[in-house]
Amino acid sequence: MLVYYGRINRFRYVVLVAFVMVTSLMVSYTRARAEALIGQCKVGFMERPERIVLIIIGALFNHWGAMAPVLWVLAVLSTITVAHRIIYTYQNTKQLAPPS
């Protein structure tokens, strides 16, 4: 998608796709790091299956311009998921820490 939007000179969407790529990686990364600390971290809405389904929907209906709204939804919800996982992990590690 980066190449597609780059070739048609849509710089704003190139940045948006790059942001979605970073937040998608961060969703998986925050889960992996959290599970190293607290055992299980399956919180948040935008896990891998949901992201894949949204990308497929955007690709199937791109003729009607569906990819741009899908990218915005992915950007917002993935960012919220990353923040939710960080907060969830922080709260659970505070409970695990012995009182000093």
C-alpha atoms as a PDB file:
ATOM      1  CA  MET A   1       0.000   0.000   0.000  1.00  0.00           C
ATOM      2  CA  LEU A   2       2.949   2.303   0.627  1.00  0.00           C
ATOM      3  CA  VAL A   3       4.065   1.886  -2.977  1.00  0.00           C
ATOM      4  CA  TYR A   4       0.519   2.288  -4.309  1.00  0.00           C
ATOM      5  CA  TYR A   5      -0.123   5.544  -2.484  1.00  0.00           C
ATOM      6  CA  GLY A   6       3.401   6.736  -3.240  1.00  0.00           C
ATOM      7  CA  ARG A   7       2.949   6.180  -6.966  1.00  0.00           C
ATOM      8  CA  ILE A   8      -0.304   8.118  -7.084  1.00  0.00           C
ATOM      9  CA  ASN A   9       1.236  10.979  -5.042  1.00  0.00           C
ATOM     10  CA  ARG A  10      -0.931  10.637  -1.940  1.00  0.00           C
ATOM     11  CA  PHE A  11       1.681  11.524   0.669  1.00  0.00           C
ATOM     12  CA  ARG A  12      -0.850  11.760   3.491  1.00  0.00           C
ATOM     13  CA  TYR A  13      -1.879   8.144   2.921  1.00  0.00           C
ATOM     14  CA  VAL A  14       1.756   7.031   2.671  1.00  0.00           C
ATOM     15  CA  VAL A  15       2.261   8.424   6.175  1.00  0.00           C
ATOM     16  CA  LEU A  16      -1.012   6.855   7.331  1.00  0.00           C
ATOM     17  CA  VAL A  17      -0.038   3.416   5.988  1.00  0.00           C
ATOM     18  CA  ALA A  18       3.375   3.696   7.653  1.00  0.00           C
ATOM     19  CA  PHE A  19       1.671   4.637  10.935  1.00  0.00           C
ATOM     20  CA  VAL A  20      -0.727   1.686  10.646  1.00  0.00           C
ATOM     21  CA  MET A  21       2.219  -0.632  10.019  1.00  0.00           C
ATOM     22  CA  VAL A  22       4.017   0.636  13.128  1.00  0.00           C
ATOM     23  CA  THR A  23       0.949   0.413  15.357  1.00  0.00           C
ATOM     24  CA  SER A  24       0.162  -3.078  14.054  1.00  0.00           C
ATOM     25  CA  LEU A  25       3.643  -4.195  15.025  1.00  0.00           C
ATOM     26  CA  MET A  26       3.301  -2.464  18.373  1.00  0.00           C
ATOM     27  CA  VAL A  27       0.080  -4.344  19.143  1.00  0.00           C
ATOM     28  CA  SER A  28       1.928  -7.648  18.831  1.00  0.00           C
ATOM     29  CA  TYR A  29       5.057  -6.334  20.540  1.00  0.00           C
ATOM     30  CA  THR A  30       3.217  -4.962  23.578  1.00  0.00           C
ATOM     31  CA  ARG A  31       1.421  -8.280  23.996  1.00  0.00           C
ATOM     32  CA  ALA A  32       4.677 -10.236  23.826  1.00  0.00           C
ATOM     33  CA  ARG A  33       6.425  -7.939  26.309  1.00  0.00           C
ATOM     34  CA  ALA A  34       3.411  -7.928  28.634  1.00  0.00           C
ATOM     35  CA  GLU A  35       3.148 -11.713  28.605  1.00  0.00           C
ATOM     36  CA  ALA A  36       6.808 -11.911  29.585  1.00  0.00           C
ATOM     37  CA  LEU A  37       5.902  -9.921  32.704  1.00  0.00           C
ATOM     38  CA  ILE A  38       2.375 -10.908  33.715  1.00  0.00           C
ATOM     39  CA  GLY A  39       1.579 -14.172  31.957  1.00  0.00           C
ATOM     40  CA  GLN A  40      -1.361 -13.287  29.736  1.00  0.00           C
ATOM     41  CA  CYS A  41      -2.405 -10.057  28.015  1.00  0.00           C
ATOM     42  CA  LYS A  42      -5.347 -10.573  25.678  1.00  0.00           C
ATOM     43  CA  VAL A  43      -6.861  -7.131  26.098  1.00  0.00           C
ATOM     44  CA  GLY A  44      -7.733  -4.641  23.409  1.00  0.00           C
ATOM     45  CA  PHE A  45      -9.933  -4.799  20.373  1.00  0.00           C
ATOM     46  CA  MET A  46      -7.572  -4.849  17.392  1.00  0.00           C
ATOM     47  CA  GLU A  47      -5.794  -8.173  17.543  1.00  0.00           C
ATOM     48  CA  ARG A  48      -4.366  -9.802  14.412  1.00  0.00           C
ATOM     49  CA  PRO A  49      -7.591 -11.390  13.049  1.00  0.00           C
ATOM     50  CA  GLU A  50      -9.507  -8.122  13.287  1.00  0.00           C
ATOM     51  CA  ARG A  51      -6.730  -6.213  11.517  1.00  0.00           C
ATOM     52  CA  ILE A  52      -6.561  -8.791   8.728  1.00  0.00           C
ATOM     53  CA  VAL A  53     -10.344  -8.768   8.230  1.00  0.00           C
ATOM     54  CA  LEU A  54     -10.379  -4.980   8.013  1.00  0.00           C
ATOM     55  CA  ILE A  55      -7.566  -4.949   5.445  1.00  0.00           C
ATOM     56  CA  ILE A  56      -9.406  -7.566   3.365  1.00  0.00           C
ATOM     57  CA  ILE A  57     -12.636  -5.564   3.524  1.00  0.00           C
ATOM     58  CA  GLY A  58     -10.786  -2.426   2.490  1.00  0.00           C
ATOM     59  CA  ALA A  59      -9.107  -4.233  -0.409  1.00  0.00           C
ATOM     60  CA  LEU A  60     -12.330  -5.837  -1.635  1.00  0.00           C
ATOM     61  CA  PHE A  61     -14.256  -2.577  -1.598  1.00  0.00           C
ATOM     62  CA  ASN A  62     -11.402  -0.270  -2.613  1.00  0.00           C
ATOM     63  CA  HIS A  63     -13.197   0.432  -5.887  1.00  0.00           C
ATOM     64  CA  TRP A  64     -15.693   2.456  -3.829  1.00  0.00           C
ATOM     65  CA  GLY A  65     -12.965   4.083  -1.749  1.00  0.00           C
ATOM     66  CA  ALA A  66     -13.182   1.878   1.334  1.00  0.00           C
ATOM     67  CA  MET A  67      -9.451   1.520   1.971  1.00  0.00           C
ATOM     68  CA  ALA A  68      -8.917   5.059   3.269  1.00  0.00           C
ATOM     69  CA  PRO A  69     -11.555   4.803   6.044  1.00  0.00           C
ATOM     70  CA  VAL A  70     -10.273   1.319   6.915  1.00  0.00           C
ATOM     71  CA  LEU A  71      -6.762   2.727   7.363  1.00  0.00           C
ATOM     72  CA  TRP A  72      -8.064   5.443   9.660  1.00  0.00           C
ATOM     73  CA  VAL A  73     -10.003   2.894  11.728  1.00  0.00           C
ATOM     74  CA  LEU A  74      -6.913   0.692  11.961  1.00  0.00           C
ATOM     75  CA  ALA A  75      -4.749   3.631  13.015  1.00  0.00           C
ATOM     76  CA  VAL A  76      -7.092   4.769  15.771  1.00  0.00           C
ATOM     77  CA  LEU A  77      -8.114   1.374  17.162  1.00  0.00           C
ATOM     78  CA  SER A  78      -4.594  -0.075  17.031  1.00  0.00           C
ATOM     79  CA  THR A  79      -3.272   2.936  18.948  1.00  0.00           C
ATOM     80  CA  ILE A  80      -6.010   2.505  21.540  1.00  0.00           C
ATOM     81  CA  THR A  81      -5.173  -1.209  21.810  1.00  0.00           C
ATOM     82  CA  VAL A  82      -1.478  -0.469  22.380  1.00  0.00           C
ATOM     83  CA  ALA A  83      -2.300   2.083  25.076  1.00  0.00           C
ATOM     84  CA  HIS A  84      -4.791  -0.301  26.697  1.00  0.00           C
ATOM     85  CA  ARG A  85      -2.213  -3.090  26.841  1.00  0.00           C
ATOM     86  CA  ILE A  86       0.431  -0.801  28.324  1.00  0.00           C
ATOM     87  CA  ILE A  87      -1.963   0.443  31.011  1.00  0.00           C
ATOM     88  CA  TYR A  88      -3.208  -3.089  31.730  1.00  0.00           C
ATOM     89  CA  THR A  89       0.346  -4.379  32.099  1.00  0.00           C
ATOM     90  CA  TYR A  90       1.341  -1.461  34.313  1.00  0.00           C
ATOM     91  CA  GLN A  91      -1.612  -2.024  36.619  1.00  0.00           C
ATOM     92  CA  ASN A  92      -0.952  -5.755  36.872  1.00  0.00           C
ATOM     93  CA  THR A  93       2.771  -5.363  37.538  1.00  0.00           C
ATOM     94  CA  LYS A  94       1.972  -2.912  40.326  1.00  0.00           C
ATOM     95  CA  GLN A  95      -0.168  -5.605  41.941  1.00  0.00           C
ATOM     96  CA  LEU A  96       2.609  -8.189  41.598  1.00  0.00           C
ATOM     97  CA  ALA A  97       5.291  -5.982  43.106  1.00  0.00           C
ATOM     98  CA  PRO A  98       5.947  -6.595  46.808  1.00  0.00           C
ATOM     99  CA  PRO A  99       5.220  -3.635  49.075  1.00  0.00           C
ATOM    100  CA  SER A 100       8.360  -1.796  50.128  1.00  0.00           C
END
